[in-house]
Protein backbone atom coordinates (compact mmCIF):
# COMPACT_ATOMS: atom_id res chain seq x y z
CA MET A 1 197.00 -63.84 159.87
CA GLN A 2 200.31 -65.01 159.58
CA ARG A 3 201.91 -61.50 160.53
CA ARG A 4 199.58 -61.45 163.21
CA ALA A 5 200.47 -64.18 164.67
CA ARG A 6 204.24 -64.37 164.49
CA ALA A 7 202.95 -60.30 166.66
CA ARG A 8 201.98 -62.25 169.18
CA VAL A 9 205.35 -64.91 169.22
CA GLU A 10 207.19 -62.36 169.82
CA ASP A 11 205.30 -60.35 172.51
CA LEU A 12 204.94 -63.54 174.09
CA PHE A 13 208.63 -64.28 173.68
CA HIS A 14 210.05 -61.17 174.50
CA HIS A 15 207.55 -61.16 177.58
CA THR A 16 208.81 -64.33 179.06
CA ILE A 17 212.67 -63.35 178.45
CA ARG A 18 212.41 -60.62 180.20
CA GLY A 19 212.47 -62.97 183.58
CA VAL A 20 215.44 -64.76 182.61
CA ASN A 21 218.10 -63.65 183.88
CA HIS A 22 220.86 -64.16 181.36
CA GLU A 23 224.12 -64.02 182.49
CA VAL A 24 223.50 -66.02 185.18
CA PHE A 25 221.70 -68.36 182.20
CA VAL A 26 224.32 -69.18 180.75
CA ASN A 27 227.19 -69.48 184.00
CA ALA A 28 224.44 -72.19 185.21
CA PHE A 29 224.71 -73.98 181.58
CA ARG A 30 228.01 -73.39 180.71
CA GLY A 31 229.02 -77.55 181.33
CA TYR A 32 226.78 -78.22 179.53
CA TRP A 33 226.62 -75.50 176.33
CA THR A 34 228.37 -78.01 173.34
CA PRO A 35 229.24 -75.11 170.12
CA PHE A 36 226.59 -75.39 167.04
CA SER A 37 224.47 -77.76 168.60
CA ILE A 38 221.28 -79.36 166.78
CA THR A 39 220.67 -82.28 168.24
CA GLY A 40 219.99 -83.66 172.13
CA PRO A 41 220.19 -81.48 175.00
CA PRO A 42 222.15 -79.65 174.79
CA LYS A 43 220.44 -77.92 171.62
CA TYR A 44 217.53 -76.68 174.44
CA LEU A 45 219.96 -74.34 175.69
CA ASP A 46 219.40 -72.00 172.40
CA MET A 47 215.77 -69.54 173.80
CA ASN A 48 215.82 -67.46 171.39
CA VAL A 49 214.68 -70.39 169.38
CA TRP A 50 212.61 -72.47 171.67
CA LEU A 51 211.17 -70.40 174.02
CA ARG A 52 209.35 -68.95 170.51
CA GLN A 53 208.55 -72.60 169.78
CA ALA A 54 206.65 -72.58 173.67
CA ALA A 55 205.15 -69.14 173.06
CA PHE A 56 203.88 -70.26 169.22
CA ARG A 57 201.82 -73.49 171.15
CA TYR A 58 201.01 -71.08 173.46
CA LEU A 59 198.75 -69.63 170.84
CA GLN A 60 198.32 -73.25 169.99
CA THR A 61 195.89 -73.27 173.39
CA GLY A 62 193.10 -71.56 174.19
CA LEU A 63 195.05 -69.94 176.48
CA PRO A 64 195.25 -66.26 175.23
CA GLU A 65 191.58 -66.01 175.50
CA ALA A 66 191.53 -67.30 178.78
CA PRO A 67 191.56 -64.94 182.53
CA PRO A 68 194.82 -65.70 184.63
CA GLY A 69 195.33 -68.49 186.61
CA ARG A 70 194.05 -71.34 184.37
CA ARG A 71 195.33 -75.00 185.97
CA VAL A 72 197.75 -76.29 183.17
CA LEU A 73 199.93 -79.58 183.07
CA ASP A 74 202.42 -80.34 180.44
CA LEU A 75 202.78 -83.60 179.90
CA GLY A 76 206.83 -84.80 178.48
CA ALA A 77 207.32 -81.15 179.72
CA GLY A 78 211.40 -81.71 178.40
CA PRO A 79 212.68 -78.48 179.55
CA GLY A 80 209.67 -77.13 180.57
CA TYR A 81 209.52 -73.89 178.00
CA PHE A 82 206.33 -74.35 177.52
CA PRO A 83 205.01 -73.42 181.33
CA LEU A 84 207.76 -71.41 181.60
CA VAL A 85 205.94 -68.56 178.61
CA CYS A 86 202.16 -69.89 180.50
CA ARG A 87 203.59 -68.65 184.16
CA GLY A 88 204.53 -65.42 182.21
CA GLN A 89 201.32 -64.82 181.40
CA GLY A 90 199.51 -65.31 184.80
CA HIS A 91 198.73 -69.11 184.56
CA ARG A 92 199.89 -72.32 187.13
CA PRO A 93 201.64 -75.02 184.81
CA ILE A 94 202.33 -78.44 186.48
CA ALA A 95 205.60 -79.87 183.79
CA LEU A 96 205.63 -83.79 184.12
CA ASP A 97 207.87 -85.64 183.27
CA VAL A 98 210.55 -88.44 183.64
CA ASP A 99 213.75 -88.42 185.30
CA ASP A 100 216.02 -89.74 182.82
CA GLU A 101 217.52 -86.40 181.66
CA PRO A 102 219.69 -84.42 183.63
CA LEU A 103 219.80 -81.01 181.37
CA TYR A 104 216.25 -80.94 182.01
CA ARG A 105 215.86 -81.16 184.95
CA GLU A 106 218.29 -78.63 185.87
CA LEU A 107 216.28 -76.74 183.65
CA VAL A 108 212.73 -76.39 185.02
CA ARG A 109 215.00 -76.38 188.48
CA PHE A 110 216.24 -73.10 187.10
CA PHE A 111 213.53 -71.75 186.41
CA ASP A 112 211.47 -72.87 189.56
CA LEU A 113 208.57 -74.49 187.84
CA PRO A 114 206.47 -77.05 189.53
CA ARG A 115 207.29 -81.05 188.30
CA LEU A 116 206.59 -83.54 188.80
CA VAL A 117 208.20 -86.54 187.91
CA TYR A 118 206.23 -89.69 186.59
CA ARG A 119 206.28 -91.88 183.37
CA ILE A 120 203.59 -92.76 181.42
CA GLU A 121 202.72 -96.36 180.36
CA PRO A 122 200.02 -97.63 178.27
CA MET A 123 196.70 -98.55 180.48
CA ARG A 124 198.03 -96.44 182.87
CA ARG A 125 196.27 -93.71 184.94
CA LEU A 126 198.37 -90.78 186.04
CA PRO A 127 198.28 -90.30 189.85
CA ASP A 128 196.30 -87.29 191.97
CA LEU A 129 197.60 -84.58 190.69
CA GLY A 130 194.76 -82.61 192.80
CA GLU A 131 191.95 -80.06 191.38
CA PRO A 132 190.70 -80.21 187.97
CA PHE A 133 192.78 -79.02 184.86
CA ASP A 134 191.56 -75.85 182.47
CA VAL A 135 194.46 -77.61 179.61
CA ILE A 136 196.77 -80.54 179.49
CA THR A 137 198.80 -80.45 176.80
CA ALA A 138 201.48 -83.00 176.18
CA PHE A 139 204.36 -81.83 172.85
CA ARG A 140 205.75 -83.96 170.42
CA THR A 141 204.19 -87.14 171.78
CA CYS A 142 207.24 -89.89 173.12
CA PHE A 143 205.30 -91.97 175.77
CA ASN A 144 203.38 -93.66 172.90
CA VAL A 145 205.97 -95.67 172.08
CA LYS A 146 206.02 -99.22 173.64
CA ALA A 147 208.12 -100.48 175.27
CA ASP A 148 208.65 -103.57 172.34
CA GLY A 149 209.09 -99.93 169.64
CA SER A 150 205.40 -100.24 168.81
CA PRO A 151 202.92 -97.46 168.75
CA TRP A 152 200.41 -96.50 170.70
CA GLU A 153 196.65 -98.16 169.29
CA SER A 154 193.14 -96.78 169.65
CA GLU A 155 192.82 -99.23 172.98
CA GLU A 156 195.56 -97.52 174.97
CA TRP A 157 194.70 -94.21 173.84
CA ALA A 158 191.07 -94.75 174.45
CA PHE A 159 192.32 -95.11 178.41
CA PHE A 160 194.83 -92.00 177.90
CA LEU A 161 192.48 -89.99 176.68
CA ASN A 162 189.83 -90.85 178.89
CA ASP A 163 191.69 -90.29 182.40
CA LEU A 164 192.66 -87.02 181.35
CA ARG A 165 188.52 -86.73 180.76
CA GLY A 166 188.19 -86.78 184.29
CA ARG A 167 190.84 -84.17 185.45
CA LEU A 168 189.98 -81.55 183.31
CA ALA A 169 187.98 -78.72 184.08
CA PRO A 170 183.48 -78.74 182.72
CA THR A 171 185.49 -76.84 179.34
CA GLY A 172 188.15 -77.43 179.92
CA GLU A 173 190.69 -78.65 176.31
CA VAL A 174 192.57 -81.05 175.23
CA VAL A 175 196.22 -80.36 172.80
CA LEU A 176 198.36 -83.06 171.36
CA CYS A 177 200.57 -82.73 169.14
CA PHE A 178 202.32 -85.99 167.58
CA ASN A 179 205.80 -87.00 167.25
CA VAL A 180 206.03 -89.16 163.48
CA ASP A 181 206.57 -93.26 164.57
CA ARG A 182 209.97 -93.93 162.93
CA THR A 183 208.66 -97.33 162.05
CA THR A 184 206.06 -96.84 159.69
CA GLY A 185 206.39 -93.15 158.81
CA GLU A 186 202.91 -91.69 160.08
CA LEU A 187 201.77 -89.64 163.04
CA TYR A 188 199.37 -92.59 164.20
CA SER A 189 197.24 -95.36 162.92
CA SER A 190 194.30 -94.92 160.93
CA ARG A 191 192.64 -96.78 163.74
CA VAL A 192 193.70 -94.07 166.16
CA ALA A 193 192.79 -91.27 163.65
CA ARG A 194 188.67 -92.64 163.47
CA LEU A 195 189.63 -92.99 167.41
CA PHE A 196 189.98 -89.49 167.93
CA ARG A 197 187.23 -88.16 165.20
CA THR A 198 184.53 -90.41 167.06
CA LEU A 199 185.30 -88.79 170.90
CA ARG A 200 182.40 -89.08 173.02
CA ASP A 201 183.75 -87.18 175.85
CA PHE A 202 185.20 -84.35 173.66
CA ASP A 203 184.41 -81.89 171.00
CA SER A 204 187.71 -83.46 168.64
CA ARG A 205 190.11 -81.56 165.31
CA LEU A 206 192.66 -83.14 164.15
CA PHE A 207 194.88 -81.16 162.04
CA PHE A 208 198.15 -82.63 160.33
CA GLU A 209 200.62 -83.23 163.73
CA TYR A 210 197.87 -81.29 165.71
CA ALA A 211 195.02 -82.73 168.08
CA PHE A 212 192.56 -80.81 169.83
CA LEU A 213 190.16 -82.41 172.30
CA ARG A 214 187.73 -79.79 173.96
CA ALA A 215 185.38 -81.84 176.78
CA LYS A 216 181.48 -82.14 176.29
């Protein structure tokens, strides 16, 4: 099974990267490049690593089995590699993120991806995004940290997930991948875990850092 997944990742990676002119990419981002960069935004210039990761994430959703044309919202899209894979498979992605990092902005622009600049805040609904989405994703979430550095608790997550549910197609899904909270060392509190396991509007499953939610 792992061998098959690796092969699918490689197929997705090569299919997507064929659409990127390597010489033009290098020239466009030469000013951001730093040798041996493993931290900070410049690390995302290594497409061999991050485009493969995006391909793996694509396999964590229901998109590989879905017909082309699915509408996808990627929250906290960063450099845009996941939406790029989605578009390469015939889907219609929108990248949503803040506009704090110039490299992310330039990468999304280079890939010519639809992008919405918006800051997700607790107890605040997302803007009107038009027709319902088939898939909503958020990988390595950062928006769920409040201004004082504390993580969202069940109240904030309940509000947020209720908002997402109203933006999903009838059989839509949400895929979340949590970051470890640096103050607690946890992915989420026990209260948040209990909320995710008892959602009324979703069939939900927590698996390590992932949460898979399918609309009821």
